[in-house]
């Protein structure tokens, strides 16, 4: 099962910065627990079956297969709005595509369950 988490709370919301890109980096680095994989300020918004995820990969272009295909290698990937913009044109119609359409700021984290 693939779980999709979306940033829903930011503890830097009141902070002002000259750079929107710098704010995104700050948000990401403070909201994801490095090394342990915990997501402190995100909530699960979608679950995708392994079969549906494979169908998305099989029908995508090279960039989509590279970006989303790395989930099998790393078990967790991040998707920012600039990634979503590249993924959307080549993605089949599915619930994950609808989630990507709404990603205008922040980021998503895709996490793959480990089967033991």
C-alpha atoms as a PDB file:
ATOM      1  CA  UNK A   1       0.000   0.000   0.000  1.00  0.00           C
ATOM      2  CA  UNK A   2       1.212   3.484  -0.896  1.00  0.00           C
ATOM      3  CA  UNK A   3       0.256   6.258   1.522  1.00  0.00           C
ATOM      4  CA  UNK A   4       0.149   9.895   0.448  1.00  0.00           C
ATOM      5  CA  UNK A   5       0.693  12.582   3.088  1.00  0.00           C
ATOM      6  CA  UNK A   6       0.154  16.300   2.596  1.00  0.00           C
ATOM      7  CA  UNK A   7       1.564  19.185   4.581  1.00  0.00           C
ATOM      8  CA  UNK A   8      -1.428  20.604   6.446  1.00  0.00           C
ATOM      9  CA  UNK A   9       0.186  22.667   9.188  1.00  0.00           C
ATOM     10  CA  UNK A  10       3.239  24.875   9.178  1.00  0.00           C
ATOM     11  CA  UNK A  11       4.848  26.273  12.265  1.00  0.00           C
ATOM     12  CA  UNK A  12       6.540  28.896  10.072  1.00  0.00           C
ATOM     13  CA  UNK A  13       3.285  30.311   8.697  1.00  0.00           C
ATOM     14  CA  UNK A  14       3.852  33.651  10.408  1.00  0.00           C
ATOM     15  CA  UNK A  15       7.510  33.898   9.380  1.00  0.00           C
ATOM     16  CA  UNK A  16       8.400  36.341   6.631  1.00  0.00           C
ATOM     17  CA  UNK A  17      11.241  35.755   4.224  1.00  0.00           C
ATOM     18  CA  UNK A  18      12.430  37.481   1.089  1.00  0.00           C
ATOM     19  CA  UNK A  19      12.417  34.210  -0.835  1.00  0.00           C
ATOM     20  CA  UNK A  20       9.455  31.873  -1.325  1.00  0.00           C
ATOM     21  CA  UNK A  21      11.947  29.131  -2.231  1.00  0.00           C
ATOM     22  CA  UNK A  22      13.792  29.647   1.063  1.00  0.00           C
ATOM     23  CA  UNK A  23      10.497  29.379   2.942  1.00  0.00           C
ATOM     24  CA  UNK A  24       9.751  26.060   1.189  1.00  0.00           C
ATOM     25  CA  UNK A  25      13.167  24.712   2.212  1.00  0.00           C
ATOM     26  CA  UNK A  26      12.637  25.820   5.814  1.00  0.00           C
ATOM     27  CA  UNK A  27       9.188  24.250   5.939  1.00  0.00           C
ATOM     28  CA  UNK A  28      10.381  20.977   4.469  1.00  0.00           C
ATOM     29  CA  UNK A  29      13.480  20.670   6.630  1.00  0.00           C
ATOM     30  CA  UNK A  30      11.647  21.425   9.857  1.00  0.00           C
ATOM     31  CA  UNK A  31       8.573  19.281   9.202  1.00  0.00           C
ATOM     32  CA  UNK A  32      10.179  16.006   8.131  1.00  0.00           C
ATOM     33  CA  UNK A  33      12.093  14.032  10.750  1.00  0.00           C
ATOM     34  CA  UNK A  34      15.378  13.326   9.002  1.00  0.00           C
ATOM     35  CA  UNK A  35      16.720   9.830   9.445  1.00  0.00           C
ATOM     36  CA  UNK A  36      13.638   8.437  11.119  1.00  0.00           C
ATOM     37  CA  UNK A  37      11.007   9.225   8.505  1.00  0.00           C
ATOM     38  CA  UNK A  38       8.352  10.721  10.763  1.00  0.00           C
ATOM     39  CA  UNK A  39       6.067  13.359   9.330  1.00  0.00           C
ATOM     40  CA  UNK A  40       5.186  15.774  12.102  1.00  0.00           C
ATOM     41  CA  UNK A  41       2.973  18.310  10.341  1.00  0.00           C
ATOM     42  CA  UNK A  42       1.334  16.207   7.636  1.00  0.00           C
ATOM     43  CA  UNK A  43      -1.733  14.028   7.449  1.00  0.00           C
ATOM     44  CA  UNK A  44      -2.541  11.026   5.305  1.00  0.00           C
ATOM     45  CA  UNK A  45      -4.879  12.081   2.526  1.00  0.00           C
ATOM     46  CA  UNK A  46      -4.851   9.059   0.221  1.00  0.00           C
ATOM     47  CA  UNK A  47      -3.954   5.387  -0.022  1.00  0.00           C
ATOM     48  CA  UNK A  48      -3.056   3.845  -3.374  1.00  0.00           C
ATOM     49  CA  UNK A  49      -2.916   0.110  -3.975  1.00  0.00           C
ATOM     50  CA  UNK A  50       0.300  -1.379  -5.339  1.00  0.00           C
ATOM     51  CA  UNK A  51      -1.608  -2.397  -8.503  1.00  0.00           C
ATOM     52  CA  UNK A  52      -2.896   1.122  -9.180  1.00  0.00           C
ATOM     53  CA  UNK A  53       0.553   2.589  -8.514  1.00  0.00           C
ATOM     54  CA  UNK A  54       2.129   0.162 -10.999  1.00  0.00           C
ATOM     55  CA  UNK A  55      -0.511   1.154 -13.577  1.00  0.00           C
ATOM     56  CA  UNK A  56       0.408   4.831 -13.062  1.00  0.00           C
ATOM     57  CA  UNK A  57       4.102   4.000 -13.593  1.00  0.00           C
ATOM     58  CA  UNK A  58       3.494   1.832 -16.668  1.00  0.00           C
ATOM     59  CA  UNK A  59       1.493   4.549 -18.422  1.00  0.00           C
ATOM     60  CA  UNK A  60       3.772   7.492 -17.602  1.00  0.00           C
ATOM     61  CA  UNK A  61       6.652   9.108 -19.429  1.00  0.00           C
ATOM     62  CA  UNK A  62      10.335   8.822 -18.492  1.00  0.00           C
ATOM     63  CA  UNK A  63      10.195  11.598 -15.866  1.00  0.00           C
ATOM     64  CA  UNK A  64       7.133  10.102 -14.165  1.00  0.00           C
ATOM     65  CA  UNK A  65       8.698   6.631 -14.045  1.00  0.00           C
ATOM     66  CA  UNK A  66      11.931   8.100 -12.640  1.00  0.00           C
ATOM     67  CA  UNK A  67      10.319  10.325  -9.997  1.00  0.00           C
ATOM     68  CA  UNK A  68       7.604   7.957  -8.807  1.00  0.00           C
ATOM     69  CA  UNK A  69       9.558   4.771  -9.533  1.00  0.00           C
ATOM     70  CA  UNK A  70      12.150   5.697  -6.913  1.00  0.00           C
ATOM     71  CA  UNK A  71       9.572   4.844  -4.259  1.00  0.00           C
ATOM     72  CA  UNK A  72      10.509   1.170  -4.603  1.00  0.00           C
ATOM     73  CA  UNK A  73      14.130   2.055  -3.919  1.00  0.00           C
ATOM     74  CA  UNK A  74      13.802   4.602  -1.110  1.00  0.00           C
ATOM     75  CA  UNK A  75      10.305   3.781   0.293  1.00  0.00           C
ATOM     76  CA  UNK A  76       9.602   7.516   0.636  1.00  0.00           C
ATOM     77  CA  UNK A  77       9.654  10.371  -1.889  1.00  0.00           C
ATOM     78  CA  UNK A  78       8.700  14.034  -1.764  1.00  0.00           C
ATOM     79  CA  UNK A  79       6.704  15.858  -4.400  1.00  0.00           C
ATOM     80  CA  UNK A  80       6.761  19.643  -4.573  1.00  0.00           C
ATOM     81  CA  UNK A  81       4.530  21.804  -6.809  1.00  0.00           C
ATOM     82  CA  UNK A  82       7.203  21.972  -9.525  1.00  0.00           C
ATOM     83  CA  UNK A  83       7.323  18.162  -9.622  1.00  0.00           C
ATOM     84  CA  UNK A  84       3.522  17.974  -9.792  1.00  0.00           C
ATOM     85  CA  UNK A  85       3.500  20.313 -12.793  1.00  0.00           C
ATOM     86  CA  UNK A  86       5.810  17.919 -14.669  1.00  0.00           C
ATOM     87  CA  UNK A  87       3.934  14.790 -13.568  1.00  0.00           C
ATOM     88  CA  UNK A  88       0.375  15.874 -14.342  1.00  0.00           C
ATOM     89  CA  UNK A  89       0.468  15.973 -18.177  1.00  0.00           C
ATOM     90  CA  UNK A  90       1.621  12.354 -18.429  1.00  0.00           C
ATOM     91  CA  UNK A  91      -0.423  10.820 -15.605  1.00  0.00           C
ATOM     92  CA  UNK A  92      -3.471   8.638 -16.201  1.00  0.00           C
ATOM     93  CA  UNK A  93      -6.747   9.704 -14.638  1.00  0.00           C
ATOM     94  CA  UNK A  94      -6.754   8.519 -11.027  1.00  0.00           C
ATOM     95  CA  UNK A  95      -7.293   9.790  -7.490  1.00  0.00           C
ATOM     96  CA  UNK A  96      -3.579  10.631  -7.146  1.00  0.00           C
ATOM     97  CA  UNK A  97      -3.788  12.909 -10.199  1.00  0.00           C
ATOM     98  CA  UNK A  98      -6.579  14.846  -8.471  1.00  0.00           C
ATOM     99  CA  UNK A  99      -4.368  15.285  -5.398  1.00  0.00           C
ATOM    100  CA  UNK A 100      -1.510  16.579  -7.575  1.00  0.00           C
ATOM    101  CA  UNK A 101      -3.816  19.119  -9.238  1.00  0.00           C
ATOM    102  CA  UNK A 102      -4.445  20.695  -5.825  1.00  0.00           C
ATOM    103  CA  UNK A 103      -0.751  20.936  -4.872  1.00  0.00           C
ATOM    104  CA  UNK A 104      -0.085  24.652  -5.205  1.00  0.00           C
ATOM    105  CA  UNK A 105       2.220  25.027  -2.201  1.00  0.00           C
ATOM    106  CA  UNK A 106       3.898  22.852   0.387  1.00  0.00           C
ATOM    107  CA  UNK A 107       4.613  19.263  -0.578  1.00  0.00           C
ATOM    108  CA  UNK A 108       3.429  15.674  -0.575  1.00  0.00           C
ATOM    109  CA  UNK A 109       5.224  12.657   0.801  1.00  0.00           C
ATOM    110  CA  UNK A 110       4.601   9.226  -0.694  1.00  0.00           C
ATOM    111  CA  UNK A 111       5.457   6.383   1.626  1.00  0.00           C
ATOM    112  CA  UNK A 112       5.499   2.721   0.744  1.00  0.00           C
ATOM    113  CA  UNK A 113       4.605   0.164   3.393  1.00  0.00           C
ATOM    114  CA  UNK A 114       7.294  -2.406   4.045  1.00  0.00           C
ATOM    115  CA  UNK A 115       5.983  -5.935   3.779  1.00  0.00           C
ATOM    116  CA  UNK A 116       7.388  -8.187   6.465  1.00  0.00           C
END
